[in-house]
């Protein structure tokens, strides 16, 4: 976060968690902060240009989510925002140079996903964008210096992928 603290959210510890904690690397102290509205594992978290944290998708022990929440570090509160168009877990998220968030791939309710969508923090809405060529669970993504997102690797149809795509 902009204050130097690390936000750790959700996960699993003999049960699925909605808890959130802040770690201060200067003091080594963990502090509980407001809980998320939903339990989550296999989600993404992205720091938006306004300092809020966008938490998208994930899994609750039964099904993949399309739900999305925003964490405000100034108030330690969570606010639900508009849902993604597709439920997904094990996806990737990248902050684009225009401040939007690209979410791509993952595992949906019943299949690997090649779909991608954009979150606009100014409007709080999601827009479907071009699909990837290959459905990918657990890909990695990097914003390159030219503004292009490189999406690499992952897993699909019982195979590890060694391919890459550009957005």
C-alpha atoms as a PDB file:
ATOM      1  CA  UNK A   1       0.000   0.000   0.000  1.00  0.00           C
ATOM      2  CA  UNK A   2       1.098   3.616  -0.334  1.00  0.00           C
ATOM      3  CA  UNK A   3       1.793   3.739   3.428  1.00  0.00           C
ATOM      4  CA  UNK A   4       4.332   0.908   3.081  1.00  0.00           C
ATOM      5  CA  UNK A   5       2.132  -1.680   4.770  1.00  0.00           C
ATOM      6  CA  UNK A   6       1.184  -4.989   3.156  1.00  0.00           C
ATOM      7  CA  UNK A   7      -2.473  -6.055   2.931  1.00  0.00           C
ATOM      8  CA  UNK A   8      -3.012  -9.827   3.224  1.00  0.00           C
ATOM      9  CA  UNK A   9      -6.535 -11.023   2.462  1.00  0.00           C
ATOM     10  CA  UNK A  10      -8.536 -14.222   2.407  1.00  0.00           C
ATOM     11  CA  UNK A  11      -7.044 -17.657   1.995  1.00  0.00           C
ATOM     12  CA  UNK A  12      -7.560 -20.942   3.756  1.00  0.00           C
ATOM     13  CA  UNK A  13      -6.774 -22.143   7.279  1.00  0.00           C
ATOM     14  CA  UNK A  14      -8.970 -25.209   7.912  1.00  0.00           C
ATOM     15  CA  UNK A  15     -11.759 -23.047   6.485  1.00  0.00           C
ATOM     16  CA  UNK A  16     -12.106 -20.390   3.803  1.00  0.00           C
ATOM     17  CA  UNK A  17     -11.315 -16.906   5.113  1.00  0.00           C
ATOM     18  CA  UNK A  18     -12.675 -13.394   4.627  1.00  0.00           C
ATOM     19  CA  UNK A  19     -10.179 -11.898   7.058  1.00  0.00           C
ATOM     20  CA  UNK A  20      -7.770  -9.104   6.211  1.00  0.00           C
ATOM     21  CA  UNK A  21      -4.588  -8.101   8.004  1.00  0.00           C
ATOM     22  CA  UNK A  22      -2.004  -5.380   7.573  1.00  0.00           C
ATOM     23  CA  UNK A  23       1.684  -6.158   7.982  1.00  0.00           C
ATOM     24  CA  UNK A  24       4.047  -3.324   8.863  1.00  0.00           C
ATOM     25  CA  UNK A  25       7.545  -4.277   7.649  1.00  0.00           C
ATOM     26  CA  UNK A  26       9.110  -1.514   9.773  1.00  0.00           C
ATOM     27  CA  UNK A  27       7.778  -2.918  13.049  1.00  0.00           C
ATOM     28  CA  UNK A  28       7.128  -6.545  12.072  1.00  0.00           C
ATOM     29  CA  UNK A  29       3.613  -6.248  13.522  1.00  0.00           C
ATOM     30  CA  UNK A  30       0.418  -7.719  12.043  1.00  0.00           C
ATOM     31  CA  UNK A  31      -2.829  -5.794  12.632  1.00  0.00           C
ATOM     32  CA  UNK A  32      -6.339  -7.034  11.784  1.00  0.00           C
ATOM     33  CA  UNK A  33      -8.317  -4.723   9.532  1.00  0.00           C
ATOM     34  CA  UNK A  34     -11.890  -4.905   8.247  1.00  0.00           C
ATOM     35  CA  UNK A  35     -13.041  -8.276   6.898  1.00  0.00           C
ATOM     36  CA  UNK A  36     -14.042  -8.748   3.279  1.00  0.00           C
ATOM     37  CA  UNK A  37     -17.726  -9.286   2.502  1.00  0.00           C
ATOM     38  CA  UNK A  38     -16.967 -12.763   1.084  1.00  0.00           C
ATOM     39  CA  UNK A  39     -14.566 -15.586   1.866  1.00  0.00           C
ATOM     40  CA  UNK A  40     -12.013 -15.917  -0.952  1.00  0.00           C
ATOM     41  CA  UNK A  41      -9.094 -17.967  -2.152  1.00  0.00           C
ATOM     42  CA  UNK A  42      -7.431 -17.906  -5.614  1.00  0.00           C
ATOM     43  CA  UNK A  43      -8.448 -14.247  -6.158  1.00  0.00           C
ATOM     44  CA  UNK A  44      -6.457 -11.252  -7.383  1.00  0.00           C
ATOM     45  CA  UNK A  45      -5.754  -7.984  -5.594  1.00  0.00           C
ATOM     46  CA  UNK A  46      -4.716  -4.831  -7.459  1.00  0.00           C
ATOM     47  CA  UNK A  47      -3.799  -1.420  -6.055  1.00  0.00           C
ATOM     48  CA  UNK A  48      -5.697   1.201  -8.051  1.00  0.00           C
ATOM     49  CA  UNK A  49      -4.292   4.661  -8.836  1.00  0.00           C
ATOM     50  CA  UNK A  50      -6.572   6.128  -6.113  1.00  0.00           C
ATOM     51  CA  UNK A  51      -4.934   3.853  -3.499  1.00  0.00           C
ATOM     52  CA  UNK A  52      -7.911   1.524  -3.072  1.00  0.00           C
ATOM     53  CA  UNK A  53      -7.436  -2.219  -3.552  1.00  0.00           C
ATOM     54  CA  UNK A  54      -9.583  -4.089  -6.090  1.00  0.00           C
ATOM     55  CA  UNK A  55     -10.161  -7.732  -5.110  1.00  0.00           C
ATOM     56  CA  UNK A  56     -11.673  -9.773  -7.922  1.00  0.00           C
ATOM     57  CA  UNK A  57     -13.037 -13.279  -8.246  1.00  0.00           C
ATOM     58  CA  UNK A  58     -11.783 -16.289  -6.388  1.00  0.00           C
ATOM     59  CA  UNK A  59     -13.321 -19.389  -4.886  1.00  0.00           C
ATOM     60  CA  UNK A  60     -15.443 -19.933  -1.777  1.00  0.00           C
ATOM     61  CA  UNK A  61     -15.132 -23.700  -1.358  1.00  0.00           C
ATOM     62  CA  UNK A  62     -18.072 -24.427  -3.652  1.00  0.00           C
ATOM     63  CA  UNK A  63     -17.896 -22.248  -6.748  1.00  0.00           C
ATOM     64  CA  UNK A  64     -15.853 -19.613  -8.563  1.00  0.00           C
ATOM     65  CA  UNK A  65     -16.904 -16.001  -7.911  1.00  0.00           C
ATOM     66  CA  UNK A  66     -17.577 -13.097 -10.214  1.00  0.00           C
ATOM     67  CA  UNK A  67     -17.943 -10.791  -7.204  1.00  0.00           C
ATOM     68  CA  UNK A  68     -15.603  -7.864  -6.650  1.00  0.00           C
ATOM     69  CA  UNK A  69     -14.783  -5.749  -3.594  1.00  0.00           C
ATOM     70  CA  UNK A  70     -12.835  -2.558  -2.978  1.00  0.00           C
ATOM     71  CA  UNK A  71     -10.732  -2.018   0.140  1.00  0.00           C
ATOM     72  CA  UNK A  72     -10.214   1.566   1.273  1.00  0.00           C
ATOM     73  CA  UNK A  73      -7.006   1.754   3.346  1.00  0.00           C
ATOM     74  CA  UNK A  74      -8.003   5.161   4.751  1.00  0.00           C
ATOM     75  CA  UNK A  75     -11.166   3.793   6.386  1.00  0.00           C
ATOM     76  CA  UNK A  76     -10.281   0.057   6.605  1.00  0.00           C
ATOM     77  CA  UNK A  77     -13.615  -0.743   4.966  1.00  0.00           C
ATOM     78  CA  UNK A  78     -14.741  -3.016   2.141  1.00  0.00           C
ATOM     79  CA  UNK A  79     -17.308  -1.971  -0.449  1.00  0.00           C
ATOM     80  CA  UNK A  80     -18.885  -4.296  -3.005  1.00  0.00           C
ATOM     81  CA  UNK A  81     -18.595  -3.010  -6.551  1.00  0.00           C
ATOM     82  CA  UNK A  82     -20.004  -4.299  -9.836  1.00  0.00           C
ATOM     83  CA  UNK A  83     -19.414  -7.967 -10.618  1.00  0.00           C
ATOM     84  CA  UNK A  84     -17.161  -9.241 -13.370  1.00  0.00           C
ATOM     85  CA  UNK A  85     -18.936 -10.644 -16.422  1.00  0.00           C
ATOM     86  CA  UNK A  86     -17.395 -14.081 -15.793  1.00  0.00           C
ATOM     87  CA  UNK A  87     -16.854 -15.979 -12.575  1.00  0.00           C
ATOM     88  CA  UNK A  88     -13.161 -16.839 -12.345  1.00  0.00           C
ATOM     89  CA  UNK A  89     -10.446 -18.077 -10.023  1.00  0.00           C
ATOM     90  CA  UNK A  90      -6.707 -18.554 -10.624  1.00  0.00           C
ATOM     91  CA  UNK A  91      -6.770 -15.658 -13.095  1.00  0.00           C
ATOM     92  CA  UNK A  92      -4.371 -12.768 -13.559  1.00  0.00           C
ATOM     93  CA  UNK A  93      -4.843  -9.019 -13.179  1.00  0.00           C
ATOM     94  CA  UNK A  94      -2.772  -6.086 -14.466  1.00  0.00           C
ATOM     95  CA  UNK A  95      -3.103  -2.346 -13.918  1.00  0.00           C
ATOM     96  CA  UNK A  96      -2.893  -0.676 -17.326  1.00  0.00           C
ATOM     97  CA  UNK A  97      -1.235   2.675 -17.957  1.00  0.00           C
ATOM     98  CA  UNK A  98      -4.714   4.271 -18.273  1.00  0.00           C
ATOM     99  CA  UNK A  99      -5.614   3.086 -14.734  1.00  0.00           C
ATOM    100  CA  UNK A 100      -7.980   0.343 -15.860  1.00  0.00           C
ATOM    101  CA  UNK A 101      -7.502  -3.240 -14.661  1.00  0.00           C
ATOM    102  CA  UNK A 102      -7.194  -6.088 -17.159  1.00  0.00           C
ATOM    103  CA  UNK A 103      -8.385  -9.435 -15.769  1.00  0.00           C
ATOM    104  CA  UNK A 104      -7.676 -12.452 -17.965  1.00  0.00           C
ATOM    105  CA  UNK A 105      -7.940 -16.216 -18.009  1.00  0.00           C
ATOM    106  CA  UNK A 106      -8.433 -18.425 -15.005  1.00  0.00           C
ATOM    107  CA  UNK A 107     -10.790 -21.237 -14.220  1.00  0.00           C
ATOM    108  CA  UNK A 108     -14.496 -20.531 -14.485  1.00  0.00           C
ATOM    109  CA  UNK A 109     -17.379 -22.492 -13.029  1.00  0.00           C
ATOM    110  CA  UNK A 110     -16.653 -25.504 -15.237  1.00  0.00           C
ATOM    111  CA  UNK A 111     -13.872 -24.722 -17.718  1.00  0.00           C
ATOM    112  CA  UNK A 112     -10.584 -22.956 -18.366  1.00  0.00           C
ATOM    113  CA  UNK A 113     -11.107 -19.389 -19.585  1.00  0.00           C
ATOM    114  CA  UNK A 114      -9.612 -17.444 -22.466  1.00  0.00           C
ATOM    115  CA  UNK A 115     -11.843 -14.454 -21.776  1.00  0.00           C
ATOM    116  CA  UNK A 116     -10.627 -11.062 -20.612  1.00  0.00           C
ATOM    117  CA  UNK A 117     -12.358  -8.019 -19.177  1.00  0.00           C
ATOM    118  CA  UNK A 118     -11.511  -4.496 -18.110  1.00  0.00           C
ATOM    119  CA  UNK A 119     -12.459  -2.752 -14.864  1.00  0.00           C
ATOM    120  CA  UNK A 120     -12.780   1.024 -15.029  1.00  0.00           C
ATOM    121  CA  UNK A 121     -12.216   2.512 -11.549  1.00  0.00           C
ATOM    122  CA  UNK A 122     -13.795   5.821 -12.616  1.00  0.00           C
ATOM    123  CA  UNK A 123     -17.153   4.202 -13.408  1.00  0.00           C
ATOM    124  CA  UNK A 124     -16.879   1.001 -11.343  1.00  0.00           C
ATOM    125  CA  UNK A 125     -17.916  -1.069 -14.359  1.00  0.00           C
ATOM    126  CA  UNK A 126     -16.575  -4.073 -16.263  1.00  0.00           C
ATOM    127  CA  UNK A 127     -16.294  -4.334 -20.047  1.00  0.00           C
ATOM    128  CA  UNK A 128     -15.578  -7.499 -22.001  1.00  0.00           C
ATOM    129  CA  UNK A 129     -12.520  -7.186 -24.230  1.00  0.00           C
ATOM    130  CA  UNK A 130     -10.801  -9.441 -26.771  1.00  0.00           C
ATOM    131  CA  UNK A 131     -10.287 -13.069 -25.764  1.00  0.00           C
ATOM    132  CA  UNK A 132      -6.859 -14.599 -25.441  1.00  0.00           C
ATOM    133  CA  UNK A 133      -5.953 -17.209 -28.055  1.00  0.00           C
ATOM    134  CA  UNK A 134      -5.435 -19.866 -25.376  1.00  0.00           C
ATOM    135  CA  UNK A 135      -7.488 -20.597 -22.273  1.00  0.00           C
ATOM    136  CA  UNK A 136      -5.151 -20.312 -19.254  1.00  0.00           C
ATOM    137  CA  UNK A 137      -5.485 -21.134 -15.570  1.00  0.00           C
ATOM    138  CA  UNK A 138      -2.830 -19.562 -13.310  1.00  0.00           C
ATOM    139  CA  UNK A 139      -1.115 -17.432 -15.967  1.00  0.00           C
ATOM    140  CA  UNK A 140       1.230 -14.607 -15.082  1.00  0.00           C
ATOM    141  CA  UNK A 141       1.003 -11.132 -16.547  1.00  0.00           C
ATOM    142  CA  UNK A 142       3.360  -8.180 -16.758  1.00  0.00           C
ATOM    143  CA  UNK A 143       2.817  -4.633 -17.957  1.00  0.00           C
ATOM    144  CA  UNK A 144       5.663  -3.862 -20.349  1.00  0.00           C
ATOM    145  CA  UNK A 145       7.247  -0.422 -20.701  1.00  0.00           C
ATOM    146  CA  UNK A 146       5.383   0.142 -23.992  1.00  0.00           C
ATOM    147  CA  UNK A 147       1.998  -0.324 -22.259  1.00  0.00           C
ATOM    148  CA  UNK A 148       1.423  -3.825 -23.639  1.00  0.00           C
ATOM    149  CA  UNK A 149       0.527  -6.654 -21.236  1.00  0.00           C
ATOM    150  CA  UNK A 150       2.445  -9.915 -21.602  1.00  0.00           C
ATOM    151  CA  UNK A 151       0.435 -12.958 -20.442  1.00  0.00           C
ATOM    152  CA  UNK A 152       2.485 -16.130 -20.124  1.00  0.00           C
ATOM    153  CA  UNK A 153       2.305 -19.749 -19.070  1.00  0.00           C
ATOM    154  CA  UNK A 154      -0.418 -21.285 -17.029  1.00  0.00           C
ATOM    155  CA  UNK A 155      -2.240 -24.554 -17.238  1.00  0.00           C
ATOM    156  CA  UNK A 156      -4.941 -25.771 -19.618  1.00  0.00           C
ATOM    157  CA  UNK A 157      -6.468 -29.109 -20.556  1.00  0.00           C
ATOM    158  CA  UNK A 158      -4.153 -31.046 -18.226  1.00  0.00           C
ATOM    159  CA  UNK A 159      -1.047 -29.450 -19.754  1.00  0.00           C
ATOM    160  CA  UNK A 160       1.368 -26.802 -18.567  1.00  0.00           C
ATOM    161  CA  UNK A 161       1.664 -23.998 -21.120  1.00  0.00           C
ATOM    162  CA  UNK A 162       4.932 -22.498 -22.344  1.00  0.00           C
ATOM    163  CA  UNK A 163       3.287 -19.983 -24.670  1.00  0.00           C
ATOM    164  CA  UNK A 164       2.749 -16.239 -24.334  1.00  0.00           C
ATOM    165  CA  UNK A 165       0.299 -13.642 -25.635  1.00  0.00           C
ATOM    166  CA  UNK A 166       0.233  -9.853 -25.848  1.00  0.00           C
ATOM    167  CA  UNK A 167      -2.684  -7.562 -25.023  1.00  0.00           C
END
